[in-house]
Protein backbone atom coordinates (compact mmCIF):
# COMPACT_ATOMS: atom_id res chain seq x y z
CA UNK A 1 0.00 0.00 0.00
CA UNK A 2 1.29 3.45 -0.90
CA UNK A 3 0.26 6.50 1.09
CA UNK A 4 -0.20 9.52 -1.16
CA UNK A 5 -0.96 12.16 1.47
CA UNK A 6 -1.13 12.42 5.22
CA UNK A 7 -1.71 15.16 7.74
CA UNK A 8 -4.06 18.04 8.32
CA UNK A 9 -5.40 19.99 5.36
CA UNK A 10 -7.29 23.28 5.49
CA UNK A 11 -10.94 23.32 4.50
CA UNK A 12 -11.38 23.34 0.73
CA UNK A 13 -10.62 21.35 -2.37
CA UNK A 14 -7.37 19.43 -2.68
CA UNK A 15 -5.69 17.42 -5.44
CA UNK A 16 -3.37 14.48 -4.83
CA UNK A 17 -1.49 13.03 -7.81
CA UNK A 18 -0.29 9.44 -8.05
CA UNK A 19 2.76 8.80 -10.25
CA UNK A 20 1.75 5.19 -10.95
CA UNK A 21 4.36 3.63 -8.68
CA UNK A 22 4.03 1.32 -5.69
CA UNK A 23 5.44 1.89 -2.19
CA UNK A 24 8.88 0.69 -3.36
CA UNK A 25 8.96 3.03 -6.36
CA UNK A 26 8.27 0.34 -8.99
CA UNK A 27 6.00 1.12 -11.93
CA UNK A 28 2.54 -0.42 -11.59
CA UNK A 29 0.91 -2.21 -14.52
CA UNK A 30 -2.13 -0.83 -16.33
CA UNK A 31 -5.27 -1.85 -14.51
CA UNK A 32 -8.01 -0.92 -12.09
CA UNK A 33 -6.91 0.07 -8.59
CA UNK A 34 -8.85 0.95 -5.46
CA UNK A 35 -8.12 4.14 -3.54
CA UNK A 36 -9.30 4.94 -0.03
CA UNK A 37 -9.94 8.35 1.51
CA UNK A 38 -10.10 8.34 5.30
CA UNK A 39 -11.44 11.52 6.89
CA UNK A 40 -11.93 11.48 10.67
CA UNK A 41 -14.37 8.62 11.28
CA UNK A 42 -15.42 8.24 7.61
CA UNK A 43 -13.83 6.10 4.87
CA UNK A 44 -14.60 6.33 1.15
CA UNK A 45 -13.30 4.00 -1.55
CA UNK A 46 -13.15 4.59 -5.30
CA UNK A 47 -11.83 2.75 -8.31
CA UNK A 48 -9.25 4.41 -10.56
CA UNK A 49 -7.88 3.23 -13.89
CA UNK A 50 -4.17 3.43 -14.72
CA UNK A 51 -3.45 3.31 -18.45
CA UNK A 52 0.11 3.11 -19.70
PDB file of N, CA and C in Angstrom:
ATOM      1  N   UNK A   1       0.849  -1.170   0.000  1.00  0.00           N
ATOM      2  CA  UNK A   1       0.000   0.000   0.000  1.00  0.00           C
ATOM      3  C   UNK A   1       0.897   1.236   0.000  1.00  0.00           C
ATOM      4  N   UNK A   2       0.543   2.202  -0.822  1.00  0.00           N
ATOM      5  CA  UNK A   2       1.294   3.451  -0.901  1.00  0.00           C
ATOM      6  C   UNK A   2       0.428   4.579  -0.359  1.00  0.00           C
ATOM      7  N   UNK A   3       0.980   5.354   0.533  1.00  0.00           N
ATOM      8  CA  UNK A   3       0.258   6.498   1.090  1.00  0.00           C
ATOM      9  C   UNK A   3       0.598   7.727   0.251  1.00  0.00           C
ATOM     10  N   UNK A   4      -0.423   8.368  -0.287  1.00  0.00           N
ATOM     11  CA  UNK A   4      -0.200   9.522  -1.164  1.00  0.00           C
ATOM     12  C   UNK A   4      -0.190  10.843  -0.416  1.00  0.00           C
ATOM     13  N   UNK A   5      -0.913  10.918   0.687  1.00  0.00           N
ATOM     14  CA  UNK A   5      -0.956  12.156   1.466  1.00  0.00           C
ATOM     15  C   UNK A   5      -1.314  11.813   2.906  1.00  0.00           C
ATOM     16  N   UNK A   6      -0.828  12.635   3.815  1.00  0.00           N
ATOM     17  CA  UNK A   6      -1.134  12.425   5.219  1.00  0.00           C
ATOM     18  C   UNK A   6      -1.015  13.755   5.926  1.00  0.00           C
ATOM     19  N   UNK A   7      -1.808  13.954   6.941  1.00  0.00           N
ATOM     20  CA  UNK A   7      -1.707  15.163   7.740  1.00  0.00           C
ATOM     21  C   UNK A   7      -2.985  15.967   7.712  1.00  0.00           C
ATOM     22  N   UNK A   8      -2.909  17.140   8.266  1.00  0.00           N
ATOM     23  CA  UNK A   8      -4.060  18.039   8.321  1.00  0.00           C
ATOM     24  C   UNK A   8      -4.067  18.947   7.097  1.00  0.00           C
ATOM     25  N   UNK A   9      -5.240  19.114   6.510  1.00  0.00           N
ATOM     26  CA  UNK A   9      -5.404  19.990   5.356  1.00  0.00           C
ATOM     27  C   UNK A   9      -6.447  21.033   5.684  1.00  0.00           C
ATOM     28  N   UNK A  10      -6.273  22.259   5.240  1.00  0.00           N
ATOM     29  CA  UNK A  10      -7.290  23.281   5.494  1.00  0.00           C
ATOM     30  C   UNK A  10      -8.573  22.941   4.728  1.00  0.00           C
ATOM     31  N   UNK A  11      -9.659  23.520   5.165  1.00  0.00           N
ATOM     32  CA  UNK A  11     -10.939  23.317   4.504  1.00  0.00           C
ATOM     33  C   UNK A  11     -10.824  23.750   3.054  1.00  0.00           C
ATOM     34  N   UNK A  12     -11.403  22.987   2.148  1.00  0.00           N
ATOM     35  CA  UNK A  12     -11.384  23.340   0.735  1.00  0.00           C
ATOM     36  C   UNK A  12     -11.077  22.139  -0.131  1.00  0.00           C
ATOM     37  N   UNK A  13     -10.888  22.405  -1.387  1.00  0.00           N
ATOM     38  CA  UNK A  13     -10.624  21.355  -2.367  1.00  0.00           C
ATOM     39  C   UNK A  13      -9.122  21.084  -2.455  1.00  0.00           C
ATOM     40  N   UNK A  14      -8.776  19.814  -2.593  1.00  0.00           N
ATOM     41  CA  UNK A  14      -7.369  19.426  -2.678  1.00  0.00           C
ATOM     42  C   UNK A  14      -7.191  18.393  -3.783  1.00  0.00           C
ATOM     43  N   UNK A  15      -6.018  18.379  -4.393  1.00  0.00           N
ATOM     44  CA  UNK A  15      -5.686  17.421  -5.442  1.00  0.00           C
ATOM     45  C   UNK A  15      -4.441  16.657  -5.008  1.00  0.00           C
ATOM     46  N   UNK A  16      -4.514  15.327  -5.124  1.00  0.00           N
ATOM     47  CA  UNK A  16      -3.366  14.477  -4.834  1.00  0.00           C
ATOM     48  C   UNK A  16      -3.084  13.686  -6.097  1.00  0.00           C
ATOM     49  N   UNK A  17      -1.849  13.736  -6.581  1.00  0.00           N
ATOM     50  CA  UNK A  17      -1.488  13.032  -7.807  1.00  0.00           C
ATOM     51  C   UNK A  17      -0.696  11.775  -7.475  1.00  0.00           C
ATOM     52  N   UNK A  18      -1.003  10.707  -8.192  1.00  0.00           N
ATOM     53  CA  UNK A  18      -0.290   9.444  -8.052  1.00  0.00           C
ATOM     54  C   UNK A  18       0.566   9.266  -9.288  1.00  0.00           C
ATOM     55  N   UNK A  19       1.836   8.950  -9.116  1.00  0.00           N
ATOM     56  CA  UNK A  19       2.757   8.802 -10.248  1.00  0.00           C
ATOM     57  C   UNK A  19       2.761   7.399 -10.845  1.00  0.00           C
ATOM     58  N   UNK A  20       1.857   6.536 -10.392  1.00  0.00           N
ATOM     59  CA  UNK A  20       1.754   5.194 -10.954  1.00  0.00           C
ATOM     60  C   UNK A  20       2.781   4.214 -10.429  1.00  0.00           C
ATOM     61  N   UNK A  21       3.387   4.532  -9.272  1.00  0.00           N
ATOM     62  CA  UNK A  21       4.365   3.629  -8.683  1.00  0.00           C
ATOM     63  C   UNK A  21       3.836   3.057  -7.373  1.00  0.00           C
ATOM     64  N   UNK A  22       4.422   1.921  -6.955  1.00  0.00           N
ATOM     65  CA  UNK A  22       4.032   1.318  -5.687  1.00  0.00           C
ATOM     66  C   UNK A  22       4.876   1.906  -4.555  1.00  0.00           C
ATOM     67  N   UNK A  23       4.734   1.371  -3.358  1.00  0.00           N
ATOM     68  CA  UNK A  23       5.442   1.895  -2.186  1.00  0.00           C
ATOM     69  C   UNK A  23       6.958   1.770  -2.306  1.00  0.00           C
ATOM     70  N   UNK A  24       7.434   0.853  -3.151  1.00  0.00           N
ATOM     71  CA  UNK A  24       8.877   0.688  -3.358  1.00  0.00           C
ATOM     72  C   UNK A  24       9.401   1.441  -4.570  1.00  0.00           C
ATOM     73  N   UNK A  25       8.535   2.234  -5.219  1.00  0.00           N
ATOM     74  CA  UNK A  25       8.957   3.033  -6.363  1.00  0.00           C
ATOM     75  C   UNK A  25       8.896   2.322  -7.703  1.00  0.00           C
ATOM     76  N   UNK A  26       8.371   1.097  -7.730  1.00  0.00           N
ATOM     77  CA  UNK A  26       8.273   0.340  -8.992  1.00  0.00           C
ATOM     78  C   UNK A  26       7.021   0.754  -9.750  1.00  0.00           C
ATOM     79  N   UNK A  27       7.136   0.784 -11.078  1.00  0.00           N
ATOM     80  CA  UNK A  27       6.004   1.119 -11.935  1.00  0.00           C
ATOM     81  C   UNK A  27       4.910   0.062 -11.809  1.00  0.00           C
ATOM     82  N   UNK A  28       3.682   0.492 -11.654  1.00  0.00           N
ATOM     83  CA  UNK A  28       2.542  -0.416 -11.587  1.00  0.00           C
ATOM     84  C   UNK A  28       2.033  -0.671 -13.001  1.00  0.00           C
ATOM     85  N   UNK A  29       1.458  -1.842 -13.214  1.00  0.00           N
ATOM     86  CA  UNK A  29       0.908  -2.208 -14.520  1.00  0.00           C
ATOM     87  C   UNK A  29      -0.414  -1.476 -14.747  1.00  0.00           C
ATOM     88  N   UNK A  30      -0.806  -1.368 -16.013  1.00  0.00           N
ATOM     89  CA  UNK A  30      -2.129  -0.834 -16.326  1.00  0.00           C
ATOM     90  C   UNK A  30      -3.169  -1.703 -15.646  1.00  0.00           C
ATOM     91  N   UNK A  31      -4.227  -1.077 -15.164  1.00  0.00           N
ATOM     92  CA  UNK A  31      -5.274  -1.847 -14.508  1.00  0.00           C
ATOM     93  C   UNK A  31      -6.177  -0.967 -13.685  1.00  0.00           C
ATOM     94  N   UNK A  32      -7.081  -1.605 -12.976  1.00  0.00           N
ATOM     95  CA  UNK A  32      -8.014  -0.918 -12.095  1.00  0.00           C
ATOM     96  C   UNK A  32      -7.494  -1.058 -10.668  1.00  0.00           C
ATOM     97  N   UNK A  33      -7.398   0.051  -9.970  1.00  0.00           N
ATOM     98  CA  UNK A  33      -6.912   0.072  -8.593  1.00  0.00           C
ATOM     99  C   UNK A  33      -7.962   0.719  -7.706  1.00  0.00           C
ATOM    100  N   UNK A  34      -7.906   0.393  -6.431  1.00  0.00           N
ATOM    101  CA  UNK A  34      -8.846   0.947  -5.458  1.00  0.00           C
ATOM    102  C   UNK A  34      -8.103   1.950  -4.594  1.00  0.00           C
ATOM    103  N   UNK A  35      -8.691   3.133  -4.432  1.00  0.00           N
ATOM    104  CA  UNK A  35      -8.122   4.140  -3.545  1.00  0.00           C
ATOM    105  C   UNK A  35      -9.058   4.323  -2.361  1.00  0.00           C
ATOM    106  N   UNK A  36      -8.497   4.726  -1.232  1.00  0.00           N
ATOM    107  CA  UNK A  36      -9.296   4.940  -0.029  1.00  0.00           C
ATOM    108  C   UNK A  36      -9.003   6.316   0.531  1.00  0.00           C
ATOM    109  N   UNK A  37     -10.051   7.047   0.862  1.00  0.00           N
ATOM    110  CA  UNK A  37      -9.937   8.346   1.511  1.00  0.00           C
ATOM    111  C   UNK A  37     -10.502   8.199   2.911  1.00  0.00           C
ATOM    112  N   UNK A  38      -9.664   8.425   3.902  1.00  0.00           N
ATOM    113  CA  UNK A  38     -10.100   8.342   5.295  1.00  0.00           C
ATOM    114  C   UNK A  38     -10.106   9.745   5.887  1.00  0.00           C
ATOM    115  N   UNK A  39     -11.276  10.187   6.314  1.00  0.00           N
ATOM    116  CA  UNK A  39     -11.439  11.516   6.892  1.00  0.00           C
ATOM    117  C   UNK A  39     -12.148  11.355   8.230  1.00  0.00           C
ATOM    118  N   UNK A  40     -11.435  11.656   9.299  1.00  0.00           N
ATOM    119  CA  UNK A  40     -11.934  11.479  10.667  1.00  0.00           C
ATOM    120  C   UNK A  40     -12.498  10.078  10.837  1.00  0.00           C
ATOM    121  N   UNK A  41     -13.790   9.942  11.052  1.00  0.00           N
ATOM    122  CA  UNK A  41     -14.373   8.615  11.278  1.00  0.00           C
ATOM    123  C   UNK A  41     -15.031   8.056  10.018  1.00  0.00           C
ATOM    124  N   UNK A  42     -14.781   8.650   8.858  1.00  0.00           N
ATOM    125  CA  UNK A  42     -15.420   8.237   7.614  1.00  0.00           C
ATOM    126  C   UNK A  42     -14.381   7.746   6.602  1.00  0.00           C
ATOM    127  N   UNK A  43     -14.687   6.635   5.937  1.00  0.00           N
ATOM    128  CA  UNK A  43     -13.834   6.104   4.869  1.00  0.00           C
ATOM    129  C   UNK A  43     -14.629   6.053   3.576  1.00  0.00           C
ATOM    130  N   UNK A  44     -13.991   6.413   2.479  1.00  0.00           N
ATOM    131  CA  UNK A  44     -14.602   6.333   1.152  1.00  0.00           C
ATOM    132  C   UNK A  44     -13.633   5.593   0.241  1.00  0.00           C
ATOM    133  N   UNK A  45     -14.143   4.684  -0.577  1.00  0.00           N
ATOM    134  CA  UNK A  45     -13.298   3.997  -1.545  1.00  0.00           C
ATOM    135  C   UNK A  45     -13.794   4.292  -2.949  1.00  0.00           C
ATOM    136  N   UNK A  46     -12.846   4.345  -3.888  1.00  0.00           N
ATOM    137  CA  UNK A  46     -13.147   4.594  -5.299  1.00  0.00           C
ATOM    138  C   UNK A  46     -12.219   3.741  -6.148  1.00  0.00           C
ATOM    139  N   UNK A  47     -12.668   3.448  -7.347  1.00  0.00           N
ATOM    140  CA  UNK A  47     -11.825   2.749  -8.313  1.00  0.00           C
ATOM    141  C   UNK A  47     -11.199   3.774  -9.244  1.00  0.00           C
ATOM    142  N   UNK A  48      -9.937   3.561  -9.585  1.00  0.00           N
ATOM    143  CA  UNK A  48      -9.246   4.405 -10.556  1.00  0.00           C
ATOM    144  C   UNK A  48      -8.613   3.491 -11.595  1.00  0.00           C
ATOM    145  N   UNK A  49      -8.471   4.008 -12.802  1.00  0.00           N
ATOM    146  CA  UNK A  49      -7.881   3.235 -13.890  1.00  0.00           C
ATOM    147  C   UNK A  49      -6.535   3.849 -14.245  1.00  0.00           C
ATOM    148  N   UNK A  50      -5.509   3.004 -14.301  1.00  0.00           N
ATOM    149  CA  UNK A  50      -4.173   3.427 -14.725  1.00  0.00           C
ATOM    150  C   UNK A  50      -3.929   2.857 -16.098  1.00  0.00           C
ATOM    151  N   UNK A  51      -3.733   3.733 -17.071  1.00  0.00           N
ATOM    152  CA  UNK A  51      -3.454   3.310 -18.452  1.00  0.00           C
ATOM    153  C   UNK A  51      -2.035   3.735 -18.814  1.00  0.00           C
ATOM    154  N   UNK A  52      -1.268   2.824 -19.308  1.00  0.00           N
ATOM    155  CA  UNK A  52       0.112   3.114 -19.702  1.00  0.00           C
ATOM    156  C   UNK A  52       0.194   3.189 -21.199  1.00  0.00           C
TER     157      UNK A  52
END
